[in-house]
Amino acid sequence: MKKLVIILGILIAVIVISMVALRQYTKSFSPEDTATIDMGEVSVTVHYCRPLVGDREIFGELVPYGEVWRTGANEATVFRSTSDLQIGENILPAGEYSVFTVPGPENWDVIFNSETGQWGISVINGGKANRKEKNDILTTTVPAITTDEFFEQFTISLEGMSGEIDLIIMWENTMVVVPMNIVTP
């Protein structure tokens, strides 16, 4: 019995160490980054990982059209706001959300989901986005913009002024802009 406990302990330690090493290894290809904007007492932050295009065709191939994407690499992208935000006709309450998208050639659905902290894809689900649809808080549809500029590395930025903030997603030759307005009490 003592031998079995020791073997199980060693096995668990090897698995944990392997998972930590794998996580660090994958992050070397898609480093973490954070986009932040502060407007008075309101702060919006997006924490995400930045894969590279390399020799791949991204949208419509690596990231299929019409399927939920984790919007970056590694862990699901995390969006935080200290204020309620109006997105389209809907209000996104202040808080922390995972961001998923459904890319399309003309439009993208951008999804704010209340579950955070999960790995971006589910290995046991064939590499599909690790999202529970029941936790979707807000979905908005925005146009996909084809650009002359080529974005080798996946990039998210936040730009704003006068109570308006744009969440901008750029990769390959595609840009998506999600306009948001700060809700004032």
C-alpha atoms as a PDB file:
ATOM      1  CA  MET A   1       0.000   0.000   0.000  1.00  0.00           C
ATOM      2  CA  LYS A   2       2.821   2.403   0.900  1.00  0.00           C
ATOM      3  CA  LYS A   3       4.494   1.654  -2.434  1.00  0.00           C
ATOM      4  CA  LEU A   4       1.260   2.439  -4.307  1.00  0.00           C
ATOM      5  CA  VAL A   5       0.908   5.803  -2.534  1.00  0.00           C
ATOM      6  CA  ILE A   6       4.506   6.716  -3.424  1.00  0.00           C
ATOM      7  CA  ILE A   7       4.001   5.731  -7.075  1.00  0.00           C
ATOM      8  CA  LEU A   8       0.753   7.725  -7.284  1.00  0.00           C
ATOM      9  CA  GLY A   9       2.466  10.744  -5.687  1.00  0.00           C
ATOM     10  CA  ILE A  10       5.305  10.600  -8.198  1.00  0.00           C
ATOM     11  CA  LEU A  11       2.852  10.183 -11.077  1.00  0.00           C
ATOM     12  CA  ILE A  12       0.808  13.201  -9.973  1.00  0.00           C
ATOM     13  CA  ALA A  13       3.986  15.291  -9.596  1.00  0.00           C
ATOM     14  CA  VAL A  14       5.141  14.328 -13.108  1.00  0.00           C
ATOM     15  CA  ILE A  15       1.739  15.243 -14.574  1.00  0.00           C
ATOM     16  CA  VAL A  16       1.645  18.625 -12.814  1.00  0.00           C
ATOM     17  CA  ILE A  17       5.214  19.484 -13.849  1.00  0.00           C
ATOM     18  CA  SER A  18       4.465  18.431 -17.437  1.00  0.00           C
ATOM     19  CA  MET A  19       1.354  20.627 -17.568  1.00  0.00           C
ATOM     20  CA  VAL A  20       3.266  23.662 -16.252  1.00  0.00           C
ATOM     21  CA  ALA A  21       6.075  23.072 -18.765  1.00  0.00           C
ATOM     22  CA  LEU A  22       3.594  22.677 -21.635  1.00  0.00           C
ATOM     23  CA  ARG A  23       1.840  25.898 -20.672  1.00  0.00           C
ATOM     24  CA  GLN A  24       5.126  27.827 -20.650  1.00  0.00           C
ATOM     25  CA  TYR A  25       6.166  26.216 -23.935  1.00  0.00           C
ATOM     26  CA  THR A  26       2.962  27.232 -25.730  1.00  0.00           C
ATOM     27  CA  LYS A  27       3.225  30.795 -24.384  1.00  0.00           C
ATOM     28  CA  SER A  28       6.656  31.120 -26.010  1.00  0.00           C
ATOM     29  CA  PHE A  29       4.881  31.000 -29.403  1.00  0.00           C
ATOM     30  CA  SER A  30       1.956  33.239 -28.425  1.00  0.00           C
ATOM     31  CA  PRO A  31       3.123  35.684 -25.740  1.00  0.00           C
ATOM     32  CA  GLU A  32       0.718  37.351 -23.316  1.00  0.00           C
ATOM     33  CA  ASP A  33      -0.216  40.993 -23.687  1.00  0.00           C
ATOM     34  CA  THR A  34      -2.617  43.459 -22.100  1.00  0.00           C
ATOM     35  CA  ALA A  35      -4.493  46.367 -23.661  1.00  0.00           C
ATOM     36  CA  THR A  36      -5.712  49.015 -21.210  1.00  0.00           C
ATOM     37  CA  ILE A  37      -7.554  52.303 -21.400  1.00  0.00           C
ATOM     38  CA  ASP A  38      -8.297  54.576 -18.447  1.00  0.00           C
ATOM     39  CA  MET A  39     -10.896  57.298 -18.843  1.00  0.00           C
ATOM     40  CA  GLY A  40     -11.383  59.130 -15.581  1.00  0.00           C
ATOM     41  CA  GLU A  41     -12.662  56.628 -13.048  1.00  0.00           C
ATOM     42  CA  VAL A  42     -13.367  54.013 -15.730  1.00  0.00           C
ATOM     43  CA  SER A  43     -10.794  51.389 -16.639  1.00  0.00           C
ATOM     44  CA  VAL A  44     -11.103  48.746 -19.364  1.00  0.00           C
ATOM     45  CA  THR A  45      -8.499  45.999 -19.744  1.00  0.00           C
ATOM     46  CA  VAL A  46      -8.129  43.086 -22.160  1.00  0.00           C
ATOM     47  CA  HIS A  47      -5.661  40.290 -21.328  1.00  0.00           C
ATOM     48  CA  TYR A  48      -4.899  37.952 -24.229  1.00  0.00           C
ATOM     49  CA  CYS A  49      -2.223  35.911 -26.024  1.00  0.00           C
ATOM     50  CA  ARG A  50      -0.771  36.904 -29.407  1.00  0.00           C
ATOM     51  CA  PRO A  51      -0.230  34.170 -32.012  1.00  0.00           C
ATOM     52  CA  LEU A  52       1.608  34.849 -35.277  1.00  0.00           C
ATOM     53  CA  VAL A  53       0.369  34.264 -38.817  1.00  0.00           C
ATOM     54  CA  GLY A  54       3.570  32.530 -39.984  1.00  0.00           C
ATOM     55  CA  ASP A  55       2.984  30.549 -43.182  1.00  0.00           C
ATOM     56  CA  ARG A  56      -0.703  29.989 -42.428  1.00  0.00           C
ATOM     57  CA  GLU A  57      -3.909  31.350 -43.840  1.00  0.00           C
ATOM     58  CA  ILE A  58      -5.872  32.456 -40.785  1.00  0.00           C
ATOM     59  CA  PHE A  59      -9.500  33.407 -41.358  1.00  0.00           C
ATOM     60  CA  GLY A  60     -11.533  30.828 -43.212  1.00  0.00           C
ATOM     61  CA  GLU A  61      -8.799  28.186 -42.705  1.00  0.00           C
ATOM     62  CA  LEU A  62      -7.017  27.989 -39.314  1.00  0.00           C
ATOM     63  CA  VAL A  63      -9.911  29.934 -37.790  1.00  0.00           C
ATOM     64  CA  PRO A  64     -12.951  28.625 -39.715  1.00  0.00           C
ATOM     65  CA  TYR A  65     -15.766  30.980 -40.596  1.00  0.00           C
ATOM     66  CA  GLY A  66     -18.974  30.396 -38.667  1.00  0.00           C
ATOM     67  CA  GLU A  67     -17.340  28.630 -35.690  1.00  0.00           C
ATOM     68  CA  VAL A  68     -16.718  29.975 -32.195  1.00  0.00           C
ATOM     69  CA  TRP A  69     -13.084  31.038 -31.727  1.00  0.00           C
ATOM     70  CA  ARG A  70     -11.293  31.736 -28.455  1.00  0.00           C
ATOM     71  CA  THR A  71     -10.031  35.047 -29.920  1.00  0.00           C
ATOM     72  CA  GLY A  72      -6.305  34.656 -29.475  1.00  0.00           C
ATOM     73  CA  ALA A  73      -4.304  31.729 -28.154  1.00  0.00           C
ATOM     74  CA  ASN A  74      -3.821  29.747 -24.953  1.00  0.00           C
ATOM     75  CA  GLU A  75      -6.305  30.857 -22.256  1.00  0.00           C
ATOM     76  CA  ALA A  76      -9.549  32.511 -23.262  1.00  0.00           C
ATOM     77  CA  THR A  77      -9.161  36.278 -23.722  1.00  0.00           C
ATOM     78  CA  VAL A  78     -10.306  38.203 -20.613  1.00  0.00           C
ATOM     79  CA  PHE A  79     -12.121  41.558 -20.794  1.00  0.00           C
ATOM     80  CA  ARG A  80     -12.544  43.671 -17.621  1.00  0.00           C
ATOM     81  CA  SER A  81     -14.453  46.912 -17.140  1.00  0.00           C
ATOM     82  CA  THR A  82     -15.017  48.969 -14.007  1.00  0.00           C
ATOM     83  CA  SER A  83     -18.143  50.514 -15.555  1.00  0.00           C
ATOM     84  CA  ASP A  84     -21.251  49.294 -17.328  1.00  0.00           C
ATOM     85  CA  LEU A  85     -20.813  49.613 -21.096  1.00  0.00           C
ATOM     86  CA  GLN A  86     -23.423  50.027 -23.798  1.00  0.00           C
ATOM     87  CA  ILE A  87     -22.647  47.811 -26.781  1.00  0.00           C
ATOM     88  CA  GLY A  88     -25.186  48.256 -29.549  1.00  0.00           C
ATOM     89  CA  GLU A  89     -28.581  48.313 -27.848  1.00  0.00           C
ATOM     90  CA  ASN A  90     -27.418  46.188 -24.893  1.00  0.00           C
ATOM     91  CA  ILE A  91     -25.685  46.898 -21.595  1.00  0.00           C
ATOM     92  CA  LEU A  92     -22.644  44.886 -20.499  1.00  0.00           C
ATOM     93  CA  PRO A  93     -22.476  45.144 -16.692  1.00  0.00           C
ATOM     94  CA  ALA A  94     -19.149  46.113 -15.127  1.00  0.00           C
ATOM     95  CA  GLY A  95     -17.111  42.988 -14.471  1.00  0.00           C
ATOM     96  CA  GLU A  96     -14.864  40.350 -15.976  1.00  0.00           C
ATOM     97  CA  TYR A  97     -15.708  38.285 -19.060  1.00  0.00           C
ATOM     98  CA  SER A  98     -14.150  35.880 -21.529  1.00  0.00           C
ATOM     99  CA  VAL A  99     -14.304  37.112 -25.116  1.00  0.00           C
ATOM    100  CA  PHE A 100     -15.172  34.683 -27.892  1.00  0.00           C
ATOM    101  CA  THR A 101     -15.865  35.499 -31.522  1.00  0.00           C
ATOM    102  CA  VAL A 102     -17.551  33.871 -34.491  1.00  0.00           C
ATOM    103  CA  PRO A 103     -15.619  35.203 -37.496  1.00  0.00           C
ATOM    104  CA  GLY A 104     -17.255  35.531 -40.889  1.00  0.00           C
ATOM    105  CA  PRO A 105     -16.104  37.032 -44.183  1.00  0.00           C
ATOM    106  CA  GLU A 106     -18.511  39.988 -43.824  1.00  0.00           C
ATOM    107  CA  ASN A 107     -19.411  40.168 -40.100  1.00  0.00           C
ATOM    108  CA  TRP A 108     -18.228  38.832 -36.765  1.00  0.00           C
ATOM    109  CA  ASP A 109     -20.224  37.975 -33.668  1.00  0.00           C
ATOM    110  CA  VAL A 110     -18.395  39.120 -30.540  1.00  0.00           C
ATOM    111  CA  ILE A 111     -19.464  37.252 -27.399  1.00  0.00           C
ATOM    112  CA  PHE A 112     -18.920  38.299 -23.780  1.00  0.00           C
ATOM    113  CA  ASN A 113     -19.160  35.237 -21.520  1.00  0.00           C
ATOM    114  CA  SER A 114     -19.257  35.282 -17.702  1.00  0.00           C
ATOM    115  CA  GLU A 115     -16.970  32.249 -17.236  1.00  0.00           C
ATOM    116  CA  THR A 116     -13.291  33.226 -16.993  1.00  0.00           C
ATOM    117  CA  GLY A 117     -10.022  31.469 -16.240  1.00  0.00           C
ATOM    118  CA  GLN A 118     -10.518  28.522 -18.575  1.00  0.00           C
ATOM    119  CA  TRP A 119      -8.113  27.329 -21.264  1.00  0.00           C
ATOM    120  CA  GLY A 120      -9.306  28.695 -24.601  1.00  0.00           C
ATOM    121  CA  ILE A 121     -10.015  25.337 -26.222  1.00  0.00           C
ATOM    122  CA  SER A 122     -11.215  21.982 -24.974  1.00  0.00           C
ATOM    123  CA  VAL A 123      -8.838  19.138 -25.813  1.00  0.00           C
ATOM    124  CA  ILE A 124     -11.547  16.554 -25.153  1.00  0.00           C
ATOM    125  CA  ASN A 125     -13.945  18.419 -27.466  1.00  0.00           C
ATOM    126  CA  GLY A 126     -11.763  18.216 -30.563  1.00  0.00           C
ATOM    127  CA  GLY A 127     -10.105  21.597 -30.072  1.00  0.00           C
ATOM    128  CA  LYS A 128     -13.361  23.575 -30.073  1.00  0.00           C
ATOM    129  CA  ALA A 129     -13.653  26.786 -28.051  1.00  0.00           C
ATOM    130  CA  ASN A 130     -14.010  26.089 -24.328  1.00  0.00           C
ATOM    131  CA  ARG A 131     -17.217  28.093 -23.908  1.00  0.00           C
ATOM    132  CA  LYS A 132     -20.465  27.335 -22.143  1.00  0.00           C
ATOM    133  CA  GLU A 133     -23.152  29.079 -24.185  1.00  0.00           C
ATOM    134  CA  LYS A 134     -25.417  29.372 -21.131  1.00  0.00           C
ATOM    135  CA  ASN A 135     -22.873  31.851 -19.673  1.00  0.00           C
ATOM    136  CA  ASP A 136     -23.075  34.254 -22.628  1.00  0.00           C
ATOM    137  CA  ILE A 137     -24.007  37.695 -21.290  1.00  0.00           C
ATOM    138  CA  LEU A 138     -23.947  39.749 -24.477  1.00  0.00           C
ATOM    139  CA  THR A 139     -23.421  39.093 -28.188  1.00  0.00           C
ATOM    140  CA  THR A 140     -23.004  41.825 -30.774  1.00  0.00           C
ATOM    141  CA  THR A 141     -22.447  41.666 -34.524  1.00  0.00           C
ATOM    142  CA  VAL A 142     -19.895  43.985 -36.134  1.00  0.00           C
ATOM    143  CA  PRO A 143     -18.520  44.279 -39.678  1.00  0.00           C
ATOM    144  CA  ALA A 144     -15.246  42.606 -40.649  1.00  0.00           C
ATOM    145  CA  ILE A 145     -12.967  45.165 -42.295  1.00  0.00           C
ATOM    146  CA  THR A 146     -10.391  44.019 -44.850  1.00  0.00           C
ATOM    147  CA  THR A 147      -7.271  46.175 -44.514  1.00  0.00           C
ATOM    148  CA  ASP A 148      -4.301  46.920 -46.747  1.00  0.00           C
ATOM    149  CA  GLU A 149      -2.133  46.622 -43.647  1.00  0.00           C
ATOM    150  CA  PHE A 150      -1.012  43.113 -42.717  1.00  0.00           C
ATOM    151  CA  PHE A 151      -0.996  42.255 -39.005  1.00  0.00           C
ATOM    152  CA  GLU A 152       1.507  39.405 -38.542  1.00  0.00           C
ATOM    153  CA  GLN A 153       0.828  39.160 -34.816  1.00  0.00           C
ATOM    154  CA  PHE A 154      -2.691  39.004 -33.384  1.00  0.00           C
ATOM    155  CA  THR A 155      -3.394  42.331 -31.693  1.00  0.00           C
ATOM    156  CA  ILE A 156      -6.165  43.772 -29.542  1.00  0.00           C
ATOM    157  CA  SER A 157      -6.216  47.477 -28.749  1.00  0.00           C
ATOM    158  CA  LEU A 158      -8.516  49.855 -26.921  1.00  0.00           C
ATOM    159  CA  GLU A 159      -8.991  53.417 -28.138  1.00  0.00           C
ATOM    160  CA  GLY A 160     -11.360  56.052 -26.889  1.00  0.00           C
ATOM    161  CA  MET A 161     -12.381  59.554 -26.018  1.00  0.00           C
ATOM    162  CA  SER A 162     -15.386  61.391 -24.565  1.00  0.00           C
ATOM    163  CA  GLY A 163     -17.019  58.327 -23.033  1.00  0.00           C
ATOM    164  CA  GLU A 164     -16.650  56.149 -26.138  1.00  0.00           C
ATOM    165  CA  ILE A 165     -14.291  53.173 -26.338  1.00  0.00           C
ATOM    166  CA  ASP A 166     -13.457  50.994 -29.335  1.00  0.00           C
ATOM    167  CA  LEU A 167     -12.324  47.400 -28.815  1.00  0.00           C
ATOM    168  CA  ILE A 168     -10.204  46.700 -31.921  1.00  0.00           C
ATOM    169  CA  ILE A 169      -9.193  43.184 -32.998  1.00  0.00           C
ATOM    170  CA  MET A 170      -6.566  42.865 -35.765  1.00  0.00           C
ATOM    171  CA  TRP A 171      -4.912  39.867 -37.405  1.00  0.00           C
ATOM    172  CA  GLU A 172      -3.770  38.955 -40.883  1.00  0.00           C
ATOM    173  CA  ASN A 173      -5.530  41.552 -43.086  1.00  0.00           C
ATOM    174  CA  THR A 174      -8.709  41.727 -40.994  1.00  0.00           C
ATOM    175  CA  MET A 175      -9.821  44.296 -38.435  1.00  0.00           C
ATOM    176  CA  VAL A 176     -12.954  44.276 -36.289  1.00  0.00           C
ATOM    177  CA  VAL A 177     -14.097  47.270 -34.232  1.00  0.00           C
ATOM    178  CA  VAL A 178     -16.570  46.926 -31.349  1.00  0.00           C
ATOM    179  CA  PRO A 179     -17.856  50.398 -30.349  1.00  0.00           C
ATOM    180  CA  MET A 180     -18.801  50.808 -26.686  1.00  0.00           C
ATOM    181  CA  ASN A 181     -20.154  53.706 -24.654  1.00  0.00           C
ATOM    182  CA  ILE A 182     -19.528  54.218 -20.964  1.00  0.00           C
ATOM    183  CA  VAL A 183     -22.831  54.159 -19.079  1.00  0.00           C
ATOM    184  CA  THR A 184     -23.015  57.059 -16.657  1.00  0.00           C
ATOM    185  CA  PRO A 185     -25.347  56.782 -13.676  1.00  0.00           C
END
